[in-house]
Amino acid sequence: MVEYCPDCGKILKENAEFCMYCGRDLRNYHKVSTIQHNYSKNNHDLKKQSRYILNDSQRKLFLYRILPLLIIGNMLWLLSEMVLSFLFNEASFTPEFGIIYISFMVADIFAFILFYLTARKNLILMSILFYLMFTCLAGAISLPIIILIPMLARQVTMFIVASFEGTIVIALVAIVLRNRYLKKGNIFIHGILFLIFLALAEGVFFIIFSIENWVLTLSITFPYILIVSLILLFYGAIAVKKEEKQPWPYILFKIISILLLSLIISIAVAIIVLIVIALAIICGDGSFDLSGLSFSGSGRRKKKMKKL
């Protein structure tokens, strides 16, 4: 590395103790420069290594506060969707239903805003209450799909279950590792556990829904489970590392916001994929079977009808 005299700016000889042009004593200057260079390098390496590494307090915050609330929120979302789907199973899209649905959505948006405001002010109990209200009311979002296109009701439930399983994957990794979760030197074991629990989650998903057309379902559900779990693993770590600057309920809000964004994008992509497949079926011979996206039985009924 070329060095210059701090006084005259001329190029110095390597390890020169004095400047041959102005006579500046460079012995102390070299020592200070070396210390500053090493400090900057070490500090840069530390920041690079610690981006996803949590200390003890950050790890406890994520494992014992944020992660349990995320699991509870997913469970409430799934439960409310199933209950509302059952209650409105035979409903029709009438003005009365429109008023009920709009009321649900206004209340849900209002709860989300209050969750944000109370989280920013570190009002822990209130922010948790509004968060739980938001997750319960979120089950009503899919009601128009259930009423207008009943055959897609199961697919809505499948998306929520996929989100829940993505959260469970990270929870299982965290439970196994505990004090070693997102700690330096444990990258390999993180990767192994993540892949194992991801495969188990996908297997449980296929068993619960008795998937028939596994190729089509795998291409939609697996990426979404992967997206949710990776958001919690990496963005969750980055968000939690700001615990000293931001209240922890607000960190929870930020993680929820990113998960919502991923859900919206995933649903949009899934709809586009299904439209493309439907168009391909219409333009082709119609032999492709979409029944695997639902529960077992629908595909068999279709085959029986074809035989008749």
C-alpha atoms as a PDB file:
ATOM      1  CA  MET A   1       0.000   0.000   0.000  1.00  0.00           C
ATOM      2  CA  VAL A   2       1.431   3.401  -1.010  1.00  0.00           C
ATOM      3  CA  GLU A   3       1.811   5.838   1.906  1.00  0.00           C
ATOM      4  CA  TYR A   4       2.026   9.611   1.757  1.00  0.00           C
ATOM      5  CA  CYS A   5       3.593  12.136   4.112  1.00  0.00           C
ATOM      6  CA  PRO A   6       0.859  13.740   6.261  1.00  0.00           C
ATOM      7  CA  ASP A   7       2.615  17.126   6.004  1.00  0.00           C
ATOM      8  CA  CYS A   8       3.902  17.556   2.463  1.00  0.00           C
ATOM      9  CA  GLY A   9       1.864  14.829   0.724  1.00  0.00           C
ATOM     10  CA  LYS A  10       4.871  13.311  -1.064  1.00  0.00           C
ATOM     11  CA  ILE A  11       5.148   9.536  -1.621  1.00  0.00           C
ATOM     12  CA  LEU A  12       7.137   7.858   1.152  1.00  0.00           C
ATOM     13  CA  LYS A  13       9.569   4.992   0.959  1.00  0.00           C
ATOM     14  CA  GLU A  14       8.437   1.745   2.541  1.00  0.00           C
ATOM     15  CA  ASN A  15       8.823   1.800   6.360  1.00  0.00           C
ATOM     16  CA  ALA A  16      10.447   5.237   6.226  1.00  0.00           C
ATOM     17  CA  GLU A  17      11.016   6.778   9.674  1.00  0.00           C
ATOM     18  CA  PHE A  18      11.427  10.323   8.325  1.00  0.00           C
ATOM     19  CA  CYS A  19      10.106  12.102   5.250  1.00  0.00           C
ATOM     20  CA  MET A  20      12.997  12.666   2.828  1.00  0.00           C
ATOM     21  CA  TYR A  21      11.309  15.848   1.568  1.00  0.00           C
ATOM     22  CA  CYS A  22      10.166  17.772   4.646  1.00  0.00           C
ATOM     23  CA  GLY A  23      11.839  15.820   7.461  1.00  0.00           C
ATOM     24  CA  ARG A  24       8.613  14.848   9.271  1.00  0.00           C
ATOM     25  CA  ASP A  25       9.129  12.225  11.995  1.00  0.00           C
ATOM     26  CA  LEU A  26       6.971   9.286  10.881  1.00  0.00           C
ATOM     27  CA  ARG A  27       7.692   6.729  13.630  1.00  0.00           C
ATOM     28  CA  ASN A  28       4.645   7.516  15.789  1.00  0.00           C
ATOM     29  CA  TYR A  29       2.551   8.185  12.679  1.00  0.00           C
ATOM     30  CA  HIS A  30       3.112   4.612  11.414  1.00  0.00           C
ATOM     31  CA  LYS A  31       2.069   3.146  14.774  1.00  0.00           C
ATOM     32  CA  VAL A  32      -1.156   5.187  14.938  1.00  0.00           C
ATOM     33  CA  SER A  33      -1.997   4.408  11.301  1.00  0.00           C
ATOM     34  CA  THR A  34      -1.500   0.665  11.874  1.00  0.00           C
ATOM     35  CA  ILE A  35      -3.712   0.705  14.986  1.00  0.00           C
ATOM     36  CA  GLN A  36      -6.455   2.655  13.189  1.00  0.00           C
ATOM     37  CA  HIS A  37      -6.282   0.360  10.165  1.00  0.00           C
ATOM     38  CA  ASN A  38      -6.492  -2.788  12.296  1.00  0.00           C
ATOM     39  CA  TYR A  39      -9.349  -1.336  14.358  1.00  0.00           C
ATOM     40  CA  SER A  40     -11.319  -0.408  11.230  1.00  0.00           C
ATOM     41  CA  LYS A  41     -10.731  -3.845   9.706  1.00  0.00           C
ATOM     42  CA  ASN A  42     -11.735  -5.687  12.888  1.00  0.00           C
ATOM     43  CA  ASN A  43     -14.780  -3.499  13.364  1.00  0.00           C
ATOM     44  CA  HIS A  44     -15.863  -4.114   9.754  1.00  0.00           C
ATOM     45  CA  ASP A  45     -15.364  -7.879  10.137  1.00  0.00           C
ATOM     46  CA  LEU A  46     -17.352  -7.852  13.385  1.00  0.00           C
ATOM     47  CA  LYS A  47     -20.269  -6.042  11.790  1.00  0.00           C
ATOM     48  CA  LYS A  48     -20.181  -8.415   8.831  1.00  0.00           C
ATOM     49  CA  GLN A  49     -20.179 -11.491  11.062  1.00  0.00           C
ATOM     50  CA  SER A  50     -22.772 -10.272  13.549  1.00  0.00           C
ATOM     51  CA  ARG A  51     -25.534  -9.240  11.153  1.00  0.00           C
ATOM     52  CA  TYR A  52     -27.606 -12.323  11.984  1.00  0.00           C
ATOM     53  CA  ILE A  53     -25.896 -13.228  15.268  1.00  0.00           C
ATOM     54  CA  LEU A  54     -27.881 -12.508  18.442  1.00  0.00           C
ATOM     55  CA  ASN A  55     -26.598 -11.877  21.940  1.00  0.00           C
ATOM     56  CA  ASP A  56     -28.260 -13.446  24.981  1.00  0.00           C
ATOM     57  CA  SER A  57     -30.850 -10.699  25.553  1.00  0.00           C
ATOM     58  CA  GLN A  58     -31.781 -10.527  21.865  1.00  0.00           C
ATOM     59  CA  ARG A  59     -32.081 -14.312  21.691  1.00  0.00           C
ATOM     60  CA  LYS A  60     -34.380 -14.411  24.736  1.00  0.00           C
ATOM     61  CA  LEU A  61     -36.503 -11.625  23.287  1.00  0.00           C
ATOM     62  CA  PHE A  62     -37.041 -13.517  20.043  1.00  0.00           C
ATOM     63  CA  LEU A  63     -37.461 -17.002  21.548  1.00  0.00           C
ATOM     64  CA  TYR A  64     -39.646 -16.165  24.537  1.00  0.00           C
ATOM     65  CA  ARG A  65     -41.663 -13.147  23.425  1.00  0.00           C
ATOM     66  CA  ILE A  66     -41.846 -12.603  19.681  1.00  0.00           C
ATOM     67  CA  LEU A  67     -41.845 -16.222  18.451  1.00  0.00           C
ATOM     68  CA  PRO A  68     -44.608 -17.427  20.846  1.00  0.00           C
ATOM     69  CA  LEU A  69     -46.802 -14.470  19.851  1.00  0.00           C
ATOM     70  CA  LEU A  70     -46.266 -15.279  16.175  1.00  0.00           C
ATOM     71  CA  ILE A  71     -47.345 -18.885  16.787  1.00  0.00           C
ATOM     72  CA  ILE A  72     -50.430 -17.790  18.765  1.00  0.00           C
ATOM     73  CA  GLY A  73     -51.318 -15.270  16.052  1.00  0.00           C
ATOM     74  CA  ASN A  74     -51.134 -17.929  13.336  1.00  0.00           C
ATOM     75  CA  MET A  75     -53.295 -20.281  15.389  1.00  0.00           C
ATOM     76  CA  LEU A  76     -55.944 -17.595  15.941  1.00  0.00           C
ATOM     77  CA  TRP A  77     -55.877 -16.698  12.246  1.00  0.00           C
ATOM     78  CA  LEU A  78     -56.378 -20.339  11.255  1.00  0.00           C
ATOM     79  CA  LEU A  79     -59.089 -20.928  13.860  1.00  0.00           C
ATOM     80  CA  SER A  80     -61.045 -17.787  12.955  1.00  0.00           C
ATOM     81  CA  GLU A  81     -60.862 -18.619   9.231  1.00  0.00           C
ATOM     82  CA  MET A  82     -62.225 -22.109   9.846  1.00  0.00           C
ATOM     83  CA  VAL A  83     -65.043 -20.863  12.122  1.00  0.00           C
ATOM     84  CA  LEU A  84     -66.088 -18.069   9.751  1.00  0.00           C
ATOM     85  CA  SER A  85     -65.918 -20.423   6.751  1.00  0.00           C
ATOM     86  CA  PHE A  86     -68.301 -22.762   8.562  1.00  0.00           C
ATOM     87  CA  LEU A  87     -70.681 -19.976   9.613  1.00  0.00           C
ATOM     88  CA  PHE A  88     -70.819 -18.378   6.151  1.00  0.00           C
ATOM     89  CA  ASN A  89     -70.619 -21.625   4.186  1.00  0.00           C
ATOM     90  CA  GLU A  90     -74.134 -21.289   2.755  1.00  0.00           C
ATOM     91  CA  ALA A  91     -74.279 -17.489   2.678  1.00  0.00           C
ATOM     92  CA  SER A  92     -74.825 -15.534  -0.535  1.00  0.00           C
ATOM     93  CA  PHE A  93     -73.210 -12.317  -1.669  1.00  0.00           C
ATOM     94  CA  THR A  94     -76.035  -9.980  -0.580  1.00  0.00           C
ATOM     95  CA  PRO A  95     -75.968  -6.331   0.552  1.00  0.00           C
ATOM     96  CA  GLU A  96     -76.314  -7.575   4.135  1.00  0.00           C
ATOM     97  CA  PHE A  97     -73.244  -9.744   3.729  1.00  0.00           C
ATOM     98  CA  GLY A  98     -71.418  -6.807   2.145  1.00  0.00           C
ATOM     99  CA  ILE A  99     -72.095  -4.680   5.227  1.00  0.00           C
ATOM    100  CA  ILE A 100     -70.909  -7.475   7.534  1.00  0.00           C
ATOM    101  CA  TYR A 101     -67.749  -8.017   5.494  1.00  0.00           C
ATOM    102  CA  ILE A 102     -66.899  -4.314   5.324  1.00  0.00           C
ATOM    103  CA  SER A 103     -67.401  -4.092   9.087  1.00  0.00           C
ATOM    104  CA  PHE A 104     -64.953  -6.967   9.584  1.00  0.00           C
ATOM    105  CA  MET A 105     -62.372  -5.321   7.326  1.00  0.00           C
ATOM    106  CA  VAL A 106     -62.706  -1.873   8.913  1.00  0.00           C
ATOM    107  CA  ALA A 107     -62.320  -3.419  12.371  1.00  0.00           C
ATOM    108  CA  ASP A 108     -59.290  -5.422  11.198  1.00  0.00           C
ATOM    109  CA  ILE A 109     -57.583  -2.386   9.689  1.00  0.00           C
ATOM    110  CA  PHE A 110     -58.403  -0.347  12.793  1.00  0.00           C
ATOM    111  CA  ALA A 111     -56.894  -3.069  15.028  1.00  0.00           C
ATOM    112  CA  PHE A 112     -53.737  -3.131  12.859  1.00  0.00           C
ATOM    113  CA  ILE A 113     -53.355   0.662  13.120  1.00  0.00           C
ATOM    114  CA  LEU A 114     -53.853   0.573  16.894  1.00  0.00           C
ATOM    115  CA  PHE A 115     -51.323  -2.265  17.069  1.00  0.00           C
ATOM    116  CA  TYR A 116     -48.824  -0.024  15.280  1.00  0.00           C
ATOM    117  CA  LEU A 117     -49.492   3.022  17.463  1.00  0.00           C
ATOM    118  CA  THR A 118     -49.355   1.181  20.785  1.00  0.00           C
ATOM    119  CA  ALA A 119     -46.283  -0.804  19.694  1.00  0.00           C
ATOM    120  CA  ARG A 120     -44.388   2.397  18.855  1.00  0.00           C
ATOM    121  CA  LYS A 121     -45.177   3.758  22.326  1.00  0.00           C
ATOM    122  CA  ASN A 122     -44.158   0.468  23.965  1.00  0.00           C
ATOM    123  CA  LEU A 123     -47.613  -0.113  25.486  1.00  0.00           C
ATOM    124  CA  ILE A 124     -47.009  -3.836  25.729  1.00  0.00           C
ATOM    125  CA  LEU A 125     -50.353  -5.187  26.938  1.00  0.00           C
ATOM    126  CA  MET A 126     -52.402  -2.979  24.614  1.00  0.00           C
ATOM    127  CA  SER A 127     -50.235  -3.741  21.599  1.00  0.00           C
ATOM    128  CA  ILE A 128     -50.527  -7.498  22.251  1.00  0.00           C
ATOM    129  CA  LEU A 129     -54.313  -7.148  22.625  1.00  0.00           C
ATOM    130  CA  PHE A 130     -54.664  -5.280  19.319  1.00  0.00           C
ATOM    131  CA  TYR A 131     -52.315  -7.758  17.635  1.00  0.00           C
ATOM    132  CA  LEU A 132     -54.491 -10.682  18.739  1.00  0.00           C
ATOM    133  CA  MET A 133     -57.623  -8.802  17.623  1.00  0.00           C
ATOM    134  CA  PHE A 134     -56.014  -8.258  14.223  1.00  0.00           C
ATOM    135  CA  THR A 135     -55.158 -11.948  13.795  1.00  0.00           C
ATOM    136  CA  CYS A 136     -58.671 -13.042  14.796  1.00  0.00           C
ATOM    137  CA  LEU A 137     -60.346 -10.637  12.384  1.00  0.00           C
ATOM    138  CA  ALA A 138     -57.907 -11.588   9.604  1.00  0.00           C
ATOM    139  CA  GLY A 139     -59.818 -14.835   9.193  1.00  0.00           C
ATOM    140  CA  ALA A 140     -62.645 -12.862   7.569  1.00  0.00           C
ATOM    141  CA  ILE A 141     -60.511 -11.623   4.671  1.00  0.00           C
ATOM    142  CA  SER A 142     -61.151 -14.746   2.587  1.00  0.00           C
ATOM    143  CA  LEU A 143     -64.962 -14.764   3.018  1.00  0.00           C
ATOM    144  CA  PRO A 144     -65.718 -13.403  -0.515  1.00  0.00           C
ATOM    145  CA  ILE A 145     -63.616 -16.210  -2.032  1.00  0.00           C
ATOM    146  CA  ILE A 146     -65.451 -18.801   0.054  1.00  0.00           C
ATOM    147  CA  ILE A 147     -68.862 -17.485  -1.051  1.00  0.00           C
ATOM    148  CA  LEU A 148     -68.144 -16.663  -4.700  1.00  0.00           C
ATOM    149  CA  ILE A 149     -65.827 -19.611  -5.427  1.00  0.00           C
ATOM    150  CA  PRO A 150     -66.587 -22.331  -2.839  1.00  0.00           C
ATOM    151  CA  MET A 151     -64.202 -24.796  -4.484  1.00  0.00           C
ATOM    152  CA  LEU A 152     -61.257 -22.555  -3.467  1.00  0.00           C
ATOM    153  CA  ALA A 153     -62.213 -22.497   0.221  1.00  0.00           C
ATOM    154  CA  ARG A 154     -59.840 -25.359   0.975  1.00  0.00           C
ATOM    155  CA  GLN A 155     -56.983 -23.622  -0.803  1.00  0.00           C
ATOM    156  CA  VAL A 156     -57.395 -20.581   1.467  1.00  0.00           C
ATOM    157  CA  THR A 157     -57.046 -22.837   4.488  1.00  0.00           C
ATOM    158  CA  MET A 158     -53.986 -24.446   2.905  1.00  0.00           C
ATOM    159  CA  PHE A 159     -52.264 -21.057   2.610  1.00  0.00           C
ATOM    160  CA  ILE A 160     -52.884 -20.267   6.277  1.00  0.00           C
ATOM    161  CA  VAL A 161     -51.635 -23.705   7.331  1.00  0.00           C
ATOM    162  CA  ALA A 162     -48.503 -23.159   5.209  1.00  0.00           C
ATOM    163  CA  SER A 163     -47.866 -19.865   7.008  1.00  0.00           C
ATOM    164  CA  PHE A 164     -48.363 -21.574  10.367  1.00  0.00           C
ATOM    165  CA  GLU A 165     -45.971 -24.377   9.419  1.00  0.00           C
ATOM    166  CA  GLY A 166     -43.301 -21.898   8.325  1.00  0.00           C
ATOM    167  CA  THR A 167     -43.442 -20.364  11.806  1.00  0.00           C
ATOM    168  CA  ILE A 168     -43.328 -23.799  13.436  1.00  0.00           C
ATOM    169  CA  VAL A 169     -40.170 -24.685  11.455  1.00  0.00           C
ATOM    170  CA  ILE A 170     -38.274 -21.801  13.068  1.00  0.00           C
ATOM    171  CA  ALA A 171     -39.813 -22.576  16.468  1.00  0.00           C
ATOM    172  CA  LEU A 172     -38.557 -26.176  16.269  1.00  0.00           C
ATOM    173  CA  VAL A 173     -35.065 -25.030  15.272  1.00  0.00           C
ATOM    174  CA  ALA A 174     -35.078 -22.577  18.183  1.00  0.00           C
ATOM    175  CA  ILE A 175     -36.347 -25.186  20.683  1.00  0.00           C
ATOM    176  CA  VAL A 176     -33.619 -27.652  19.713  1.00  0.00           C
ATOM    177  CA  LEU A 177     -30.786 -25.085  19.781  1.00  0.00           C
ATOM    178  CA  ARG A 178     -32.035 -22.754  22.552  1.00  0.00           C
ATOM    179  CA  ASN A 179     -28.917 -20.848  23.759  1.00  0.00           C
ATOM    180  CA  ARG A 180     -27.083 -21.723  20.538  1.00  0.00           C
ATOM    181  CA  TYR A 181     -29.829 -20.293  18.293  1.00  0.00           C
ATOM    182  CA  LEU A 182     -28.281 -17.724  15.913  1.00  0.00           C
ATOM    183  CA  LYS A 183     -25.014 -17.910  17.794  1.00  0.00           C
ATOM    184  CA  LYS A 184     -21.648 -17.732  16.073  1.00  0.00           C
ATOM    185  CA  GLY A 185     -20.211 -21.079  15.067  1.00  0.00           C
ATOM    186  CA  ASN A 186     -23.527 -22.913  14.705  1.00  0.00           C
ATOM    187  CA  ILE A 187     -24.321 -22.262  11.049  1.00  0.00           C
ATOM    188  CA  PHE A 188     -23.989 -25.893   9.968  1.00  0.00           C
ATOM    189  CA  ILE A 189     -26.354 -27.289  12.603  1.00  0.00           C
ATOM    190  CA  HIS A 190     -28.831 -24.493  11.793  1.00  0.00           C
ATOM    191  CA  GLY A 191     -28.875 -25.546   8.151  1.00  0.00           C
ATOM    192  CA  ILE A 192     -29.298 -29.247   8.929  1.00  0.00           C
ATOM    193  CA  LEU A 193     -32.150 -28.692  11.399  1.00  0.00           C
ATOM    194  CA  PHE A 194     -33.832 -26.196   9.088  1.00  0.00           C
ATOM    195  CA  LEU A 195     -33.903 -28.664   6.185  1.00  0.00           C
ATOM    196  CA  ILE A 196     -35.112 -31.526   8.395  1.00  0.00           C
ATOM    197  CA  PHE A 197     -37.992 -29.557   9.896  1.00  0.00           C
ATOM    198  CA  LEU A 198     -38.857 -28.042   6.520  1.00  0.00           C
ATOM    199  CA  ALA A 199     -39.199 -31.526   5.023  1.00  0.00           C
ATOM    200  CA  LEU A 200     -41.302 -32.663   8.009  1.00  0.00           C
ATOM    201  CA  ALA A 201     -43.568 -29.621   7.687  1.00  0.00           C
ATOM    202  CA  GLU A 202     -44.175 -30.316   4.001  1.00  0.00           C
ATOM    203  CA  GLY A 203     -44.834 -33.983   4.740  1.00  0.00           C
ATOM    204  CA  VAL A 204     -47.369 -33.132   7.454  1.00  0.00           C
ATOM    205  CA  PHE A 205     -49.014 -30.678   5.069  1.00  0.00           C
ATOM    206  CA  PHE A 206     -49.470 -33.394   2.418  1.00  0.00           C
ATOM    207  CA  ILE A 207     -50.849 -35.832   4.988  1.00  0.00           C
ATOM    208  CA  ILE A 208     -53.353 -33.353   6.475  1.00  0.00           C
ATOM    209  CA  PHE A 209     -54.725 -32.325   3.104  1.00  0.00           C
ATOM    210  CA  SER A 210     -54.404 -35.758   1.439  1.00  0.00           C
ATOM    211  CA  ILE A 211     -52.762 -34.185  -1.603  1.00  0.00           C
ATOM    212  CA  GLU A 212     -53.242 -36.037  -4.899  1.00  0.00           C
ATOM    213  CA  ASN A 213     -51.601 -33.746  -7.427  1.00  0.00           C
ATOM    214  CA  TRP A 214     -48.414 -33.332  -5.377  1.00  0.00           C
ATOM    215  CA  VAL A 215     -46.315 -31.790  -8.169  1.00  0.00           C
ATOM    216  CA  LEU A 216     -48.601 -28.774  -8.586  1.00  0.00           C
ATOM    217  CA  THR A 217     -49.173 -28.373  -4.835  1.00  0.00           C
ATOM    218  CA  LEU A 218     -45.484 -28.678  -3.996  1.00  0.00           C
ATOM    219  CA  SER A 219     -44.625 -25.862  -6.410  1.00  0.00           C
ATOM    220  CA  ILE A 220     -46.962 -23.497  -4.505  1.00  0.00           C
ATOM    221  CA  THR A 221     -46.875 -24.563  -0.849  1.00  0.00           C
ATOM    222  CA  PHE A 222     -43.178 -25.378  -0.454  1.00  0.00           C
ATOM    223  CA  PRO A 223     -41.941 -21.948  -1.642  1.00  0.00           C
ATOM    224  CA  TYR A 224     -44.410 -20.202   0.678  1.00  0.00           C
ATOM    225  CA  ILE A 225     -43.409 -22.272   3.733  1.00  0.00           C
ATOM    226  CA  LEU A 226     -39.796 -21.553   2.801  1.00  0.00           C
ATOM    227  CA  ILE A 227     -40.449 -17.808   2.425  1.00  0.00           C
ATOM    228  CA  VAL A 228     -42.183 -17.518   5.810  1.00  0.00           C
ATOM    229  CA  SER A 229     -39.476 -19.457   7.641  1.00  0.00           C
ATOM    230  CA  LEU A 230     -36.626 -17.530   5.987  1.00  0.00           C
ATOM    231  CA  ILE A 231     -38.267 -14.189   6.822  1.00  0.00           C
ATOM    232  CA  LEU A 232     -38.461 -15.198  10.476  1.00  0.00           C
ATOM    233  CA  LEU A 233     -34.920 -16.554  10.467  1.00  0.00           C
ATOM    234  CA  PHE A 234     -33.122 -13.667   8.760  1.00  0.00           C
ATOM    235  CA  TYR A 235     -35.334 -10.576   8.861  1.00  0.00           C
ATOM    236  CA  GLY A 236     -36.412 -11.566  12.373  1.00  0.00           C
ATOM    237  CA  ALA A 237     -32.772 -11.540  13.485  1.00  0.00           C
ATOM    238  CA  ILE A 238     -32.100  -8.153  11.865  1.00  0.00           C
ATOM    239  CA  ALA A 239     -35.215  -6.646  13.454  1.00  0.00           C
ATOM    240  CA  VAL A 240     -34.465  -8.050  16.927  1.00  0.00           C
ATOM    241  CA  LYS A 241     -30.919  -6.632  16.830  1.00  0.00           C
ATOM    242  CA  LYS A 242     -32.521  -3.172  17.018  1.00  0.00           C
ATOM    243  CA  GLU A 243     -33.985  -3.902  20.477  1.00  0.00           C
ATOM    244  CA  GLU A 244     -32.000  -1.093  22.080  1.00  0.00           C
ATOM    245  CA  LYS A 245     -33.374   1.482  19.629  1.00  0.00           C
ATOM    246  CA  GLN A 246     -36.968   0.270  19.246  1.00  0.00           C
ATOM    247  CA  PRO A 247     -39.598  -1.215  21.620  1.00  0.00           C
ATOM    248  CA  TRP A 248     -39.936  -4.968  21.177  1.00  0.00           C
ATOM    249  CA  PRO A 249     -43.705  -4.787  20.341  1.00  0.00           C
ATOM    250  CA  TYR A 250     -42.761  -2.558  17.404  1.00  0.00           C
ATOM    251  CA  ILE A 251     -40.215  -5.177  16.289  1.00  0.00           C
ATOM    252  CA  LEU A 252     -43.074  -7.703  16.321  1.00  0.00           C
ATOM    253  CA  PHE A 253     -45.155  -5.293  14.227  1.00  0.00           C
ATOM    254  CA  LYS A 254     -42.370  -4.953  11.638  1.00  0.00           C
ATOM    255  CA  ILE A 255     -42.009  -8.730  11.320  1.00  0.00           C
ATOM    256  CA  ILE A 256     -45.791  -9.107  10.928  1.00  0.00           C
ATOM    257  CA  SER A 257     -45.784  -6.411   8.227  1.00  0.00           C
ATOM    258  CA  ILE A 258     -43.140  -8.238   6.181  1.00  0.00           C
ATOM    259  CA  LEU A 259     -45.030 -11.525   6.568  1.00  0.00           C
ATOM    260  CA  LEU A 260     -48.228  -9.843   5.344  1.00  0.00           C
ATOM    261  CA  LEU A 261     -46.398  -8.469   2.330  1.00  0.00           C
ATOM    262  CA  SER A 262     -45.042 -11.932   1.521  1.00  0.00           C
ATOM    263  CA  LEU A 263     -48.562 -13.376   1.852  1.00  0.00           C
ATOM    264  CA  ILE A 264     -50.020 -10.842  -0.581  1.00  0.00           C
ATOM    265  CA  ILE A 265     -47.253 -11.460  -3.121  1.00  0.00           C
ATOM    266  CA  SER A 266     -47.540 -15.261  -2.748  1.00  0.00           C
ATOM    267  CA  ILE A 267     -51.311 -15.215  -3.245  1.00  0.00           C
ATOM    268  CA  ALA A 268     -50.917 -13.042  -6.334  1.00  0.00           C
ATOM    269  CA  VAL A 269     -48.310 -15.430  -7.756  1.00  0.00           C
ATOM    270  CA  ALA A 270     -50.504 -18.466  -6.945  1.00  0.00           C
ATOM    271  CA  ILE A 271     -53.486 -16.878  -8.692  1.00  0.00           C
ATOM    272  CA  ILE A 272     -51.389 -16.140 -11.784  1.00  0.00           C
ATOM    273  CA  VAL A 273     -50.095 -19.748 -11.819  1.00  0.00           C
ATOM    274  CA  LEU A 274     -53.635 -21.154 -11.562  1.00  0.00           C
ATOM    275  CA  ILE A 275     -54.883 -18.836 -14.320  1.00  0.00           C
ATOM    276  CA  VAL A 276     -52.060 -19.929 -16.609  1.00  0.00           C
ATOM    277  CA  ILE A 277     -52.802 -23.591 -15.879  1.00  0.00           C
ATOM    278  CA  ALA A 278     -56.527 -23.064 -16.444  1.00  0.00           C
ATOM    279  CA  LEU A 279     -55.845 -21.401 -19.783  1.00  0.00           C
ATOM    280  CA  ALA A 280     -53.536 -24.240 -20.745  1.00  0.00           C
ATOM    281  CA  ILE A 281     -56.296 -26.738 -19.918  1.00  0.00           C
ATOM    282  CA  ILE A 282     -58.886 -24.792 -21.902  1.00  0.00           C
ATOM    283  CA  CYS A 283     -56.601 -24.508 -24.903  1.00  0.00           C
ATOM    284  CA  GLY A 284     -55.424 -28.121 -24.635  1.00  0.00           C
ATOM    285  CA  ASP A 285     -57.229 -31.410 -24.264  1.00  0.00           C
ATOM    286  CA  GLY A 286     -58.415 -30.730 -20.703  1.00  0.00           C
ATOM    287  CA  SER A 287     -56.772 -33.860 -19.318  1.00  0.00           C
ATOM    288  CA  PHE A 288     -54.843 -32.084 -16.545  1.00  0.00           C
ATOM    289  CA  ASP A 289     -56.380 -32.694 -13.103  1.00  0.00           C
ATOM    290  CA  LEU A 290     -56.441 -29.869 -10.567  1.00  0.00           C
ATOM    291  CA  SER A 291     -58.135 -31.940  -7.921  1.00  0.00           C
ATOM    292  CA  GLY A 292     -54.890 -32.462  -6.069  1.00  0.00           C
ATOM    293  CA  LEU A 293     -55.030 -28.896  -4.847  1.00  0.00           C
ATOM    294  CA  SER A 294     -57.956 -29.834  -2.653  1.00  0.00           C
ATOM    295  CA  PHE A 295     -58.756 -32.583  -0.183  1.00  0.00           C
ATOM    296  CA  SER A 296     -58.961 -36.203  -1.204  1.00  0.00           C
ATOM    297  CA  GLY A 297     -62.057 -37.445  -2.895  1.00  0.00           C
ATOM    298  CA  SER A 298     -62.708 -34.726  -5.460  1.00  0.00           C
ATOM    299  CA  GLY A 299     -60.358 -36.285  -7.982  1.00  0.00           C
ATOM    300  CA  ARG A 300     -61.940 -39.713  -7.584  1.00  0.00           C
ATOM    301  CA  ARG A 301     -65.427 -38.292  -8.036  1.00  0.00           C
ATOM    302  CA  LYS A 302     -64.350 -36.624 -11.268  1.00  0.00           C
ATOM    303  CA  LYS A 303     -62.901 -39.888 -12.590  1.00  0.00           C
ATOM    304  CA  LYS A 304     -66.137 -41.714 -11.797  1.00  0.00           C
ATOM    305  CA  MET A 305     -68.146 -39.076 -13.634  1.00  0.00           C
ATOM    306  CA  LYS A 306     -65.871 -39.459 -16.668  1.00  0.00           C
ATOM    307  CA  LYS A 307     -66.408 -43.259 -16.670  1.00  0.00           C
ATOM    308  CA  LEU A 308     -70.164 -42.796 -16.555  1.00  0.00           C
END
